[in-house]
């Protein structure tokens, strides 16, 4: 019989998730296409407006190092970042990540970004629905949280479409744009495994 604590610390392996015209797969730090897409995503002005990552990514070497860190997080069971691609031709569209995975408290946080040329196609909505289903059914988590800077209306709408209810405003919960010495408020959304799964629009 498997020990409870052993099952909670078992390593995660990145699955391939298909649905809504999308394929979610592992990022590959050795792939030039993956590194380029990761770099373009982090250099996008809209990404930088709403996100200030722990480590700044502004060149190819930094993008590859960032992806290597993500791979280490997967191996440690801390996070599951997915490369979001077009199911038909494999074009990279963006990223969705299930992060801060805590299998004791049965909790994680989700976040996403979409490359500029892929916006307006429900990529974030479709990938969030797929990733949430995986987190609830395959990892067995109970609660997923989604946070975004106040004023980010598009992210608010995506959260709502995917069944992540608005739960309140967190004061000073995120770094200000491009800074790590100042903070801004964030909206908190969450979805439980017991909540109904929304339909893809």
N, C-alpha and C. Protein backbone atom coordinates (compact mmCIF):
# COMPACT_ATOMS: atom_id res chain seq x y z
N UNK A 1 0.85 -1.19 0.00
CA UNK A 1 0.00 0.00 0.00
C UNK A 1 0.88 1.24 0.00
N UNK A 2 0.58 2.23 -0.85
CA UNK A 2 1.39 3.44 -0.95
C UNK A 2 1.15 4.33 0.25
N UNK A 3 2.25 4.79 0.85
CA UNK A 3 2.15 5.72 1.98
C UNK A 3 1.57 7.05 1.49
N UNK A 4 0.71 7.66 2.33
CA UNK A 4 0.04 8.91 1.96
C UNK A 4 1.04 9.98 1.60
N UNK A 5 2.09 10.15 2.41
CA UNK A 5 3.07 11.20 2.14
C UNK A 5 3.86 10.91 0.87
N UNK A 6 4.12 9.64 0.58
CA UNK A 6 4.83 9.29 -0.65
C UNK A 6 3.99 9.67 -1.87
N UNK A 7 2.68 9.44 -1.80
CA UNK A 7 1.83 9.77 -2.94
C UNK A 7 1.78 11.28 -3.16
N UNK A 8 1.89 12.06 -2.07
CA UNK A 8 1.85 13.51 -2.21
C UNK A 8 3.14 14.05 -2.80
N UNK A 9 4.25 13.35 -2.63
CA UNK A 9 5.53 13.85 -3.12
C UNK A 9 5.96 13.17 -4.41
N UNK A 10 5.11 12.34 -4.98
CA UNK A 10 5.46 11.66 -6.23
C UNK A 10 5.73 12.69 -7.31
N UNK A 11 6.76 12.48 -8.13
CA UNK A 11 7.07 13.47 -9.17
C UNK A 11 5.96 13.57 -10.21
N UNK A 12 5.83 14.76 -10.78
CA UNK A 12 4.86 14.98 -11.84
C UNK A 12 5.53 14.75 -13.20
N UNK A 13 4.77 14.26 -14.14
CA UNK A 13 5.26 14.16 -15.51
C UNK A 13 4.30 14.97 -16.38
N UNK A 14 4.87 15.69 -17.34
CA UNK A 14 4.04 16.57 -18.17
C UNK A 14 3.24 15.74 -19.17
N UNK A 15 1.92 15.80 -19.07
CA UNK A 15 1.10 15.09 -20.04
C UNK A 15 0.93 15.92 -21.31
N UNK A 16 0.32 15.35 -22.31
CA UNK A 16 -0.13 16.09 -23.48
C UNK A 16 -1.65 16.19 -23.38
N UNK A 17 -2.16 17.41 -23.39
CA UNK A 17 -3.60 17.65 -23.24
C UNK A 17 -4.15 18.22 -24.54
N UNK A 18 -5.19 17.62 -25.05
CA UNK A 18 -5.80 18.05 -26.30
C UNK A 18 -7.25 18.46 -26.08
N UNK A 19 -7.65 19.54 -26.75
CA UNK A 19 -9.03 19.97 -26.69
C UNK A 19 -9.17 21.41 -27.15
N UNK A 20 -10.36 21.76 -27.61
CA UNK A 20 -10.68 23.14 -28.02
C UNK A 20 -9.75 23.65 -29.12
N UNK A 21 -9.27 22.73 -29.97
CA UNK A 21 -8.37 23.11 -31.05
C UNK A 21 -6.95 23.37 -30.59
N UNK A 22 -6.63 22.99 -29.34
CA UNK A 22 -5.33 23.26 -28.75
C UNK A 22 -4.64 21.96 -28.34
N UNK A 23 -3.34 22.03 -28.24
CA UNK A 23 -2.55 20.95 -27.63
C UNK A 23 -1.62 21.58 -26.60
N UNK A 24 -1.66 21.07 -25.39
CA UNK A 24 -0.78 21.53 -24.32
C UNK A 24 0.29 20.46 -24.12
N UNK A 25 1.56 20.89 -24.16
CA UNK A 25 2.69 19.97 -24.05
C UNK A 25 3.77 20.60 -23.20
N UNK A 26 4.82 19.85 -22.95
CA UNK A 26 5.95 20.37 -22.18
C UNK A 26 6.75 21.38 -23.00
N UNK A 27 7.29 22.38 -22.32
CA UNK A 27 8.28 23.27 -22.94
C UNK A 27 9.61 22.53 -23.03
N UNK A 28 10.37 22.80 -24.07
CA UNK A 28 11.66 22.14 -24.28
C UNK A 28 12.77 23.20 -24.33
N UNK A 29 13.59 23.30 -23.28
CA UNK A 29 14.67 24.30 -23.28
C UNK A 29 15.69 24.11 -24.40
N UNK A 30 15.74 22.90 -24.99
CA UNK A 30 16.69 22.63 -26.07
C UNK A 30 16.13 23.01 -27.44
N UNK A 31 14.86 23.39 -27.49
CA UNK A 31 14.22 23.73 -28.77
C UNK A 31 14.36 25.22 -29.04
N UNK A 32 14.94 25.56 -30.19
CA UNK A 32 15.09 26.97 -30.55
C UNK A 32 13.73 27.65 -30.70
N UNK A 33 12.75 26.92 -31.23
CA UNK A 33 11.41 27.50 -31.41
C UNK A 33 10.76 27.79 -30.07
N UNK A 34 10.93 26.87 -29.10
CA UNK A 34 10.36 27.08 -27.77
C UNK A 34 11.02 28.26 -27.07
N UNK A 35 12.35 28.33 -27.17
CA UNK A 35 13.08 29.43 -26.53
C UNK A 35 12.67 30.77 -27.15
N UNK A 36 12.54 30.80 -28.47
CA UNK A 36 12.14 32.04 -29.14
C UNK A 36 10.75 32.47 -28.72
N UNK A 37 9.81 31.53 -28.64
CA UNK A 37 8.44 31.87 -28.24
C UNK A 37 8.41 32.36 -26.80
N UNK A 38 9.19 31.72 -25.93
CA UNK A 38 9.25 32.13 -24.52
C UNK A 38 9.80 33.55 -24.42
N UNK A 39 10.83 33.83 -25.19
CA UNK A 39 11.41 35.17 -25.18
C UNK A 39 10.42 36.20 -25.71
N UNK A 40 9.77 35.90 -26.83
CA UNK A 40 8.81 36.85 -27.40
C UNK A 40 7.65 37.11 -26.44
N UNK A 41 7.22 36.06 -25.75
CA UNK A 41 6.15 36.24 -24.79
C UNK A 41 6.53 37.18 -23.67
N UNK A 42 7.77 37.06 -23.19
CA UNK A 42 8.23 37.90 -22.07
C UNK A 42 8.60 39.31 -22.50
N UNK A 43 8.90 39.50 -23.77
CA UNK A 43 9.21 40.84 -24.26
C UNK A 43 7.97 41.61 -24.70
N UNK A 44 6.85 40.93 -24.84
CA UNK A 44 5.62 41.56 -25.29
C UNK A 44 5.20 42.67 -24.33
N UNK A 45 4.96 43.89 -24.82
CA UNK A 45 4.58 45.00 -23.94
C UNK A 45 3.34 44.72 -23.10
N UNK A 46 2.38 43.99 -23.66
CA UNK A 46 1.16 43.69 -22.90
C UNK A 46 1.48 42.73 -21.75
N UNK A 47 2.36 41.77 -21.98
CA UNK A 47 2.80 40.88 -20.89
C UNK A 47 3.48 41.70 -19.80
N UNK A 48 4.38 42.57 -20.20
CA UNK A 48 5.14 43.35 -19.22
C UNK A 48 4.27 44.35 -18.47
N UNK A 49 3.19 44.78 -19.10
CA UNK A 49 2.28 45.70 -18.42
C UNK A 49 1.65 45.06 -17.20
N UNK A 50 1.33 43.77 -17.30
CA UNK A 50 0.58 43.10 -16.24
C UNK A 50 1.40 42.13 -15.40
N UNK A 51 2.63 41.84 -15.80
CA UNK A 51 3.43 40.84 -15.10
C UNK A 51 4.85 41.34 -14.86
N UNK A 52 5.36 41.08 -13.68
CA UNK A 52 6.77 41.33 -13.37
C UNK A 52 7.34 40.03 -12.82
N UNK A 53 7.95 39.20 -13.67
CA UNK A 53 8.45 37.90 -13.21
C UNK A 53 9.59 38.05 -12.20
N UNK A 54 9.79 36.97 -11.46
CA UNK A 54 10.88 36.95 -10.48
C UNK A 54 12.22 37.18 -11.17
N UNK A 55 12.40 36.57 -12.34
CA UNK A 55 13.63 36.73 -13.12
C UNK A 55 13.28 37.36 -14.46
N UNK A 56 13.91 38.47 -14.77
CA UNK A 56 13.66 39.15 -16.04
C UNK A 56 14.22 38.33 -17.20
N UNK A 57 13.44 38.19 -18.25
CA UNK A 57 13.86 37.49 -19.46
C UNK A 57 13.93 38.51 -20.58
N UNK A 58 15.15 38.80 -21.06
CA UNK A 58 15.27 39.82 -22.12
C UNK A 58 16.21 39.42 -23.24
N UNK A 59 16.70 38.17 -23.23
CA UNK A 59 17.52 37.68 -24.34
C UNK A 59 17.41 36.17 -24.43
N UNK A 60 18.00 35.61 -25.48
CA UNK A 60 17.86 34.17 -25.73
C UNK A 60 18.44 33.34 -24.59
N UNK A 61 19.59 33.73 -24.10
CA UNK A 61 20.21 32.97 -23.00
C UNK A 61 19.32 32.98 -21.77
N UNK A 62 18.75 34.14 -21.47
CA UNK A 62 17.87 34.24 -20.32
C UNK A 62 16.60 33.43 -20.49
N UNK A 63 16.08 33.38 -21.72
CA UNK A 63 14.88 32.59 -21.99
C UNK A 63 15.16 31.11 -21.79
N UNK A 64 16.32 30.64 -22.27
CA UNK A 64 16.67 29.23 -22.11
C UNK A 64 16.86 28.89 -20.62
N UNK A 65 17.52 29.76 -19.89
CA UNK A 65 17.71 29.53 -18.46
C UNK A 65 16.37 29.49 -17.73
N UNK A 66 15.46 30.38 -18.11
CA UNK A 66 14.14 30.41 -17.51
C UNK A 66 13.39 29.10 -17.76
N UNK A 67 13.47 28.59 -18.98
CA UNK A 67 12.80 27.33 -19.29
C UNK A 67 13.45 26.16 -18.53
N UNK A 68 14.75 26.22 -18.35
CA UNK A 68 15.42 25.17 -17.57
C UNK A 68 14.96 25.19 -16.12
N UNK A 69 14.74 26.39 -15.58
CA UNK A 69 14.19 26.50 -14.22
C UNK A 69 12.79 25.89 -14.15
N UNK A 70 11.99 26.13 -15.19
CA UNK A 70 10.64 25.56 -15.22
C UNK A 70 10.70 24.04 -15.24
N UNK A 71 11.63 23.49 -15.99
CA UNK A 71 11.79 22.03 -16.03
C UNK A 71 12.15 21.48 -14.66
N UNK A 72 12.99 22.22 -13.93
CA UNK A 72 13.37 21.80 -12.58
C UNK A 72 12.17 21.84 -11.64
N UNK A 73 11.28 22.83 -11.82
CA UNK A 73 10.08 22.92 -11.00
C UNK A 73 9.17 21.72 -11.25
N UNK A 74 9.08 21.28 -12.51
CA UNK A 74 8.29 20.10 -12.83
C UNK A 74 8.87 18.88 -12.14
N UNK A 75 10.18 18.70 -12.24
CA UNK A 75 10.84 17.55 -11.63
C UNK A 75 10.64 17.51 -10.13
N UNK A 76 10.56 18.70 -9.51
CA UNK A 76 10.37 18.78 -8.06
C UNK A 76 8.90 18.71 -7.66
N UNK A 77 7.99 18.69 -8.65
CA UNK A 77 6.57 18.62 -8.34
C UNK A 77 5.97 19.93 -7.90
N UNK A 78 6.68 21.04 -8.15
CA UNK A 78 6.21 22.36 -7.70
C UNK A 78 5.29 23.04 -8.70
N UNK A 79 5.42 22.71 -9.97
CA UNK A 79 4.67 23.42 -11.00
C UNK A 79 4.57 22.57 -12.25
N UNK A 80 3.60 22.95 -13.11
CA UNK A 80 3.43 22.29 -14.39
C UNK A 80 3.16 23.36 -15.45
N UNK A 81 4.23 23.86 -16.09
CA UNK A 81 4.04 24.82 -17.17
C UNK A 81 3.80 24.11 -18.49
N UNK A 82 2.77 24.53 -19.21
CA UNK A 82 2.45 23.93 -20.50
C UNK A 82 2.72 24.92 -21.62
N UNK A 83 3.31 24.44 -22.70
CA UNK A 83 3.40 25.19 -23.94
C UNK A 83 2.09 24.97 -24.68
N UNK A 84 1.38 26.05 -24.98
CA UNK A 84 0.09 25.96 -25.66
C UNK A 84 0.33 26.08 -27.16
N UNK A 85 -0.11 25.08 -27.92
CA UNK A 85 0.10 25.07 -29.37
C UNK A 85 -1.22 24.85 -30.10
N UNK A 86 -1.21 25.21 -31.37
CA UNK A 86 -2.34 24.90 -32.25
C UNK A 86 -2.34 23.40 -32.50
N UNK A 87 -3.48 22.76 -32.27
CA UNK A 87 -3.54 21.30 -32.39
C UNK A 87 -3.30 20.84 -33.83
N UNK A 88 -3.62 21.69 -34.79
CA UNK A 88 -3.52 21.28 -36.19
C UNK A 88 -2.10 21.33 -36.72
N UNK A 89 -1.38 22.41 -36.41
CA UNK A 89 -0.05 22.58 -37.02
C UNK A 89 1.09 22.76 -36.04
N UNK A 90 0.82 22.75 -34.75
CA UNK A 90 1.87 22.83 -33.74
C UNK A 90 2.41 24.22 -33.49
N UNK A 91 1.83 25.25 -34.10
CA UNK A 91 2.28 26.62 -33.86
C UNK A 91 2.14 26.98 -32.40
N UNK A 92 3.19 27.56 -31.81
CA UNK A 92 3.14 27.95 -30.41
C UNK A 92 2.29 29.20 -30.26
N UNK A 93 1.34 29.15 -29.31
CA UNK A 93 0.38 30.23 -29.11
C UNK A 93 0.56 30.96 -27.78
N UNK A 94 1.12 30.28 -26.79
CA UNK A 94 1.27 30.91 -25.48
C UNK A 94 1.63 29.90 -24.42
N UNK A 95 1.28 30.23 -23.19
CA UNK A 95 1.62 29.34 -22.08
C UNK A 95 0.53 29.35 -21.03
N UNK A 96 0.35 28.22 -20.37
CA UNK A 96 -0.52 28.11 -19.19
C UNK A 96 0.26 27.32 -18.16
N UNK A 97 0.23 27.76 -16.91
CA UNK A 97 0.99 27.06 -15.87
C UNK A 97 0.13 26.82 -14.64
N UNK A 98 0.28 25.64 -14.07
CA UNK A 98 -0.27 25.33 -12.76
C UNK A 98 0.93 25.38 -11.81
N UNK A 99 0.96 26.38 -10.94
CA UNK A 99 2.15 26.65 -10.14
C UNK A 99 1.85 26.60 -8.64
N UNK A 100 2.91 26.66 -7.85
CA UNK A 100 2.78 26.65 -6.39
C UNK A 100 1.94 25.46 -5.93
N UNK A 101 2.16 24.31 -6.57
CA UNK A 101 1.37 23.12 -6.28
C UNK A 101 1.66 22.64 -4.86
N UNK A 102 0.61 22.53 -4.06
CA UNK A 102 0.71 22.03 -2.69
C UNK A 102 -0.26 20.87 -2.57
N UNK A 103 0.27 19.65 -2.63
CA UNK A 103 -0.62 18.49 -2.61
C UNK A 103 -1.06 18.11 -1.21
N UNK A 104 -0.47 18.72 -0.18
CA UNK A 104 -0.96 18.52 1.18
C UNK A 104 -2.24 19.33 1.38
N UNK A 105 -2.20 20.62 1.03
CA UNK A 105 -3.37 21.48 1.14
C UNK A 105 -4.29 21.38 -0.08
N UNK A 106 -3.86 20.61 -1.09
CA UNK A 106 -4.65 20.37 -2.30
C UNK A 106 -5.00 21.67 -3.02
N UNK A 107 -3.96 22.43 -3.30
CA UNK A 107 -4.10 23.80 -3.79
C UNK A 107 -3.03 24.09 -4.84
N UNK A 108 -3.33 25.00 -5.77
CA UNK A 108 -2.33 25.50 -6.71
C UNK A 108 -2.82 26.83 -7.27
N UNK A 109 -1.92 27.53 -7.99
CA UNK A 109 -2.28 28.77 -8.66
C UNK A 109 -2.09 28.59 -10.16
N UNK A 110 -2.90 29.27 -10.94
CA UNK A 110 -2.79 29.18 -12.39
C UNK A 110 -2.50 30.56 -12.98
N UNK A 111 -1.77 30.56 -14.08
CA UNK A 111 -1.47 31.79 -14.78
C UNK A 111 -1.23 31.49 -16.25
N UNK A 112 -1.40 32.48 -17.11
CA UNK A 112 -1.30 32.24 -18.54
C UNK A 112 -0.89 33.51 -19.26
N UNK A 113 -0.37 33.34 -20.46
CA UNK A 113 -0.18 34.45 -21.39
C UNK A 113 -0.30 33.91 -22.81
N UNK A 114 -0.67 34.80 -23.72
CA UNK A 114 -0.88 34.43 -25.11
C UNK A 114 -0.06 35.37 -25.99
N UNK A 115 0.60 34.82 -26.99
CA UNK A 115 1.38 35.65 -27.92
C UNK A 115 0.44 36.60 -28.68
N UNK A 116 0.94 37.77 -29.05
CA UNK A 116 0.07 38.78 -29.68
C UNK A 116 -0.70 38.27 -30.89
N UNK A 117 -0.05 37.47 -31.74
CA UNK A 117 -0.70 37.02 -32.97
C UNK A 117 -1.79 35.99 -32.72
N UNK A 118 -1.86 35.44 -31.50
CA UNK A 118 -2.85 34.40 -31.19
C UNK A 118 -4.03 34.93 -30.38
N UNK A 119 -4.03 36.22 -30.08
CA UNK A 119 -5.11 36.76 -29.24
C UNK A 119 -6.41 36.85 -30.02
N UNK A 120 -7.51 36.81 -29.28
CA UNK A 120 -8.83 36.89 -29.90
C UNK A 120 -9.35 35.55 -30.39
N UNK A 121 -8.68 34.46 -30.04
CA UNK A 121 -9.08 33.13 -30.51
C UNK A 121 -9.47 32.20 -29.36
N UNK A 122 -9.71 32.76 -28.19
CA UNK A 122 -10.07 31.97 -26.99
C UNK A 122 -8.96 31.00 -26.58
N UNK A 123 -7.71 31.34 -26.89
CA UNK A 123 -6.58 30.46 -26.53
C UNK A 123 -6.44 30.36 -25.01
N UNK A 124 -6.50 31.49 -24.31
CA UNK A 124 -6.36 31.46 -22.85
C UNK A 124 -7.52 30.70 -22.22
N UNK A 125 -8.73 30.93 -22.71
CA UNK A 125 -9.90 30.24 -22.17
C UNK A 125 -9.79 28.74 -22.36
N UNK A 126 -9.49 28.31 -23.57
CA UNK A 126 -9.39 26.88 -23.84
C UNK A 126 -8.28 26.21 -23.06
N UNK A 127 -7.12 26.86 -22.98
CA UNK A 127 -6.00 26.23 -22.27
C UNK A 127 -6.25 26.21 -20.76
N UNK A 128 -6.91 27.25 -20.23
CA UNK A 128 -7.22 27.25 -18.80
C UNK A 128 -8.21 26.14 -18.45
N UNK A 129 -9.21 25.92 -19.29
CA UNK A 129 -10.15 24.83 -19.05
C UNK A 129 -9.45 23.48 -19.06
N UNK A 130 -8.54 23.27 -20.01
CA UNK A 130 -7.81 22.01 -20.09
C UNK A 130 -6.90 21.81 -18.88
N UNK A 131 -6.16 22.85 -18.51
CA UNK A 131 -5.23 22.74 -17.39
C UNK A 131 -5.97 22.53 -16.07
N UNK A 132 -7.11 23.20 -15.90
CA UNK A 132 -7.89 23.03 -14.67
C UNK A 132 -8.43 21.61 -14.57
N UNK A 133 -8.94 21.08 -15.67
CA UNK A 133 -9.44 19.70 -15.65
C UNK A 133 -8.34 18.73 -15.26
N UNK A 134 -7.13 18.94 -15.83
CA UNK A 134 -6.00 18.08 -15.47
C UNK A 134 -5.66 18.19 -13.99
N UNK A 135 -5.62 19.41 -13.46
CA UNK A 135 -5.25 19.61 -12.05
C UNK A 135 -6.25 18.96 -11.11
N UNK A 136 -7.53 19.04 -11.46
CA UNK A 136 -8.56 18.46 -10.59
C UNK A 136 -8.64 16.94 -10.73
N UNK A 137 -8.59 16.43 -11.96
CA UNK A 137 -8.84 15.01 -12.16
C UNK A 137 -7.58 14.15 -12.08
N UNK A 138 -6.45 14.67 -12.56
CA UNK A 138 -5.23 13.87 -12.58
C UNK A 138 -4.35 14.09 -11.36
N UNK A 139 -4.22 15.33 -10.93
CA UNK A 139 -3.41 15.61 -9.74
C UNK A 139 -4.24 15.47 -8.48
N UNK A 140 -5.55 15.65 -8.61
CA UNK A 140 -6.44 15.48 -7.46
C UNK A 140 -6.52 16.70 -6.56
N UNK A 141 -6.23 17.89 -7.12
CA UNK A 141 -6.30 19.10 -6.31
C UNK A 141 -7.75 19.49 -6.04
N UNK A 142 -7.95 20.23 -4.95
CA UNK A 142 -9.28 20.67 -4.56
C UNK A 142 -9.56 22.11 -4.96
N UNK A 143 -8.53 22.97 -4.93
CA UNK A 143 -8.74 24.40 -5.16
C UNK A 143 -7.66 24.95 -6.09
N UNK A 144 -8.09 25.74 -7.06
CA UNK A 144 -7.18 26.46 -7.94
C UNK A 144 -7.47 27.95 -7.80
N UNK A 145 -6.42 28.74 -7.63
CA UNK A 145 -6.56 30.19 -7.54
C UNK A 145 -5.96 30.86 -8.77
N UNK A 146 -6.53 32.00 -9.12
CA UNK A 146 -6.06 32.80 -10.25
C UNK A 146 -6.02 34.25 -9.79
N UNK A 147 -4.87 34.88 -9.90
CA UNK A 147 -4.75 36.28 -9.50
C UNK A 147 -4.26 37.13 -10.66
N UNK A 148 -4.78 38.35 -10.76
CA UNK A 148 -4.32 39.27 -11.79
C UNK A 148 -4.39 40.70 -11.26
N UNK A 149 -3.56 41.55 -11.80
CA UNK A 149 -3.55 42.94 -11.38
C UNK A 149 -4.91 43.58 -11.62
N UNK A 150 -5.35 44.42 -10.69
CA UNK A 150 -6.61 45.13 -10.88
C UNK A 150 -6.52 45.98 -12.15
N UNK A 151 -7.61 46.04 -12.87
CA UNK A 151 -7.63 46.77 -14.13
C UNK A 151 -7.43 45.89 -15.34
N UNK A 152 -7.02 44.65 -15.13
CA UNK A 152 -6.80 43.73 -16.25
C UNK A 152 -8.13 43.07 -16.60
N UNK A 153 -8.96 43.79 -17.35
CA UNK A 153 -10.30 43.33 -17.65
C UNK A 153 -10.34 42.04 -18.44
N UNK A 154 -9.41 41.86 -19.38
CA UNK A 154 -9.42 40.65 -20.20
C UNK A 154 -9.19 39.41 -19.33
N UNK A 155 -8.27 39.49 -18.39
CA UNK A 155 -8.00 38.35 -17.52
C UNK A 155 -9.20 38.07 -16.62
N UNK A 156 -9.87 39.13 -16.18
CA UNK A 156 -11.06 38.97 -15.35
C UNK A 156 -12.15 38.21 -16.12
N UNK A 157 -12.33 38.57 -17.38
CA UNK A 157 -13.36 37.90 -18.19
C UNK A 157 -13.01 36.44 -18.45
N UNK A 158 -11.74 36.16 -18.70
CA UNK A 158 -11.31 34.78 -18.93
C UNK A 158 -11.56 33.94 -17.68
N UNK A 159 -11.22 34.49 -16.52
CA UNK A 159 -11.44 33.78 -15.26
C UNK A 159 -12.91 33.44 -15.09
N UNK A 160 -13.78 34.40 -15.36
CA UNK A 160 -15.20 34.17 -15.22
C UNK A 160 -15.72 33.11 -16.17
N UNK A 161 -15.27 33.16 -17.44
CA UNK A 161 -15.70 32.18 -18.42
C UNK A 161 -15.29 30.76 -18.02
N UNK A 162 -14.18 30.65 -17.31
CA UNK A 162 -13.65 29.34 -16.93
C UNK A 162 -14.09 28.89 -15.55
N UNK A 163 -15.06 29.59 -14.97
CA UNK A 163 -15.63 29.16 -13.69
C UNK A 163 -14.84 29.57 -12.47
N UNK A 164 -13.89 30.50 -12.63
CA UNK A 164 -13.12 30.98 -11.49
C UNK A 164 -13.85 32.20 -10.91
N UNK A 165 -14.50 32.01 -9.78
CA UNK A 165 -15.32 33.06 -9.19
C UNK A 165 -14.43 34.15 -8.58
N UNK A 166 -14.90 35.37 -8.70
CA UNK A 166 -14.20 36.50 -8.06
C UNK A 166 -14.42 36.41 -6.56
N UNK A 167 -13.34 36.45 -5.79
CA UNK A 167 -13.44 36.32 -4.34
C UNK A 167 -13.00 37.57 -3.58
N UNK A 168 -12.43 38.55 -4.27
CA UNK A 168 -12.08 39.77 -3.58
C UNK A 168 -10.81 40.40 -4.13
N UNK A 169 -10.42 41.51 -3.52
CA UNK A 169 -9.22 42.24 -3.90
C UNK A 169 -8.15 42.05 -2.84
N UNK A 170 -6.97 41.65 -3.28
CA UNK A 170 -5.82 41.48 -2.38
C UNK A 170 -4.97 42.74 -2.45
N UNK A 171 -4.79 43.40 -1.33
CA UNK A 171 -4.03 44.66 -1.31
C UNK A 171 -2.54 44.39 -1.44
N UNK A 172 -1.91 45.13 -2.34
CA UNK A 172 -0.46 45.05 -2.50
C UNK A 172 0.06 43.65 -2.73
N UNK A 173 -0.65 42.88 -3.55
CA UNK A 173 -0.31 41.46 -3.71
C UNK A 173 0.60 41.17 -4.89
N UNK A 174 0.83 42.17 -5.76
CA UNK A 174 1.67 41.95 -6.94
C UNK A 174 2.63 43.12 -7.09
N UNK A 175 3.78 42.82 -7.72
CA UNK A 175 4.70 43.90 -8.03
C UNK A 175 4.09 44.85 -9.05
N UNK A 176 4.45 46.10 -8.93
CA UNK A 176 4.08 47.08 -9.95
C UNK A 176 4.80 46.73 -11.25
N UNK A 177 4.29 47.27 -12.34
CA UNK A 177 4.88 47.02 -13.65
C UNK A 177 6.36 47.39 -13.68
N UNK A 178 7.20 46.42 -13.99
CA UNK A 178 8.63 46.65 -14.14
C UNK A 178 9.38 46.97 -12.86
N UNK A 179 8.76 46.76 -11.70
CA UNK A 179 9.41 47.09 -10.43
C UNK A 179 9.31 45.92 -9.46
N UNK A 180 10.25 45.88 -8.53
CA UNK A 180 10.21 44.88 -7.47
C UNK A 180 10.32 45.55 -6.10
N UNK A 181 10.10 46.86 -6.09
CA UNK A 181 10.15 47.61 -4.84
C UNK A 181 8.84 48.36 -4.57
N UNK A 182 7.82 48.08 -5.38
CA UNK A 182 6.51 48.72 -5.22
C UNK A 182 5.45 47.69 -5.59
N UNK A 183 4.26 47.85 -5.01
CA UNK A 183 3.23 46.82 -5.14
C UNK A 183 1.90 47.41 -5.60
N UNK A 184 1.08 46.54 -6.19
CA UNK A 184 -0.26 46.93 -6.63
C UNK A 184 -1.26 45.85 -6.19
N UNK A 185 -2.52 46.23 -6.22
CA UNK A 185 -3.57 45.30 -5.80
C UNK A 185 -3.85 44.27 -6.89
N UNK A 186 -4.45 43.17 -6.46
CA UNK A 186 -4.78 42.09 -7.39
C UNK A 186 -6.17 41.56 -7.09
N UNK A 187 -6.86 41.13 -8.13
CA UNK A 187 -8.13 40.43 -7.97
C UNK A 187 -7.82 38.94 -7.76
N UNK A 188 -8.54 38.33 -6.83
CA UNK A 188 -8.43 36.90 -6.58
C UNK A 188 -9.67 36.20 -7.11
N UNK A 189 -9.44 35.20 -7.95
CA UNK A 189 -10.50 34.32 -8.43
C UNK A 189 -10.13 32.90 -8.01
N UNK A 190 -11.12 32.04 -7.86
CA UNK A 190 -10.83 30.65 -7.51
C UNK A 190 -11.92 29.73 -8.01
N UNK A 191 -11.51 28.50 -8.24
CA UNK A 191 -12.45 27.44 -8.63
C UNK A 191 -12.14 26.20 -7.83
N UNK A 192 -13.18 25.50 -7.40
CA UNK A 192 -13.04 24.27 -6.64
C UNK A 192 -13.34 23.06 -7.53
N UNK A 193 -12.79 21.93 -7.14
CA UNK A 193 -13.04 20.70 -7.90
C UNK A 193 -14.52 20.36 -7.91
N UNK A 194 -15.25 20.82 -6.90
CA UNK A 194 -16.68 20.53 -6.80
C UNK A 194 -17.54 21.50 -7.60
N UNK A 195 -16.95 22.57 -8.15
CA UNK A 195 -17.70 23.51 -8.98
C UNK A 195 -17.98 22.88 -10.34
N UNK A 196 -19.07 23.25 -10.98
CA UNK A 196 -19.35 22.71 -12.31
C UNK A 196 -18.32 23.20 -13.32
N UNK A 197 -18.00 22.33 -14.28
CA UNK A 197 -17.04 22.70 -15.33
C UNK A 197 -17.76 23.47 -16.44
N UNK A 198 -17.32 24.68 -16.74
CA UNK A 198 -18.00 25.46 -17.78
C UNK A 198 -17.75 24.85 -19.16
N UNK A 199 -18.63 25.19 -20.09
CA UNK A 199 -18.45 24.77 -21.48
C UNK A 199 -17.57 25.77 -22.20
N UNK A 200 -16.82 25.28 -23.17
CA UNK A 200 -16.00 26.16 -23.99
C UNK A 200 -16.91 27.00 -24.86
N UNK A 201 -16.65 28.32 -24.95
CA UNK A 201 -17.55 29.20 -25.71
C UNK A 201 -17.56 28.88 -27.22
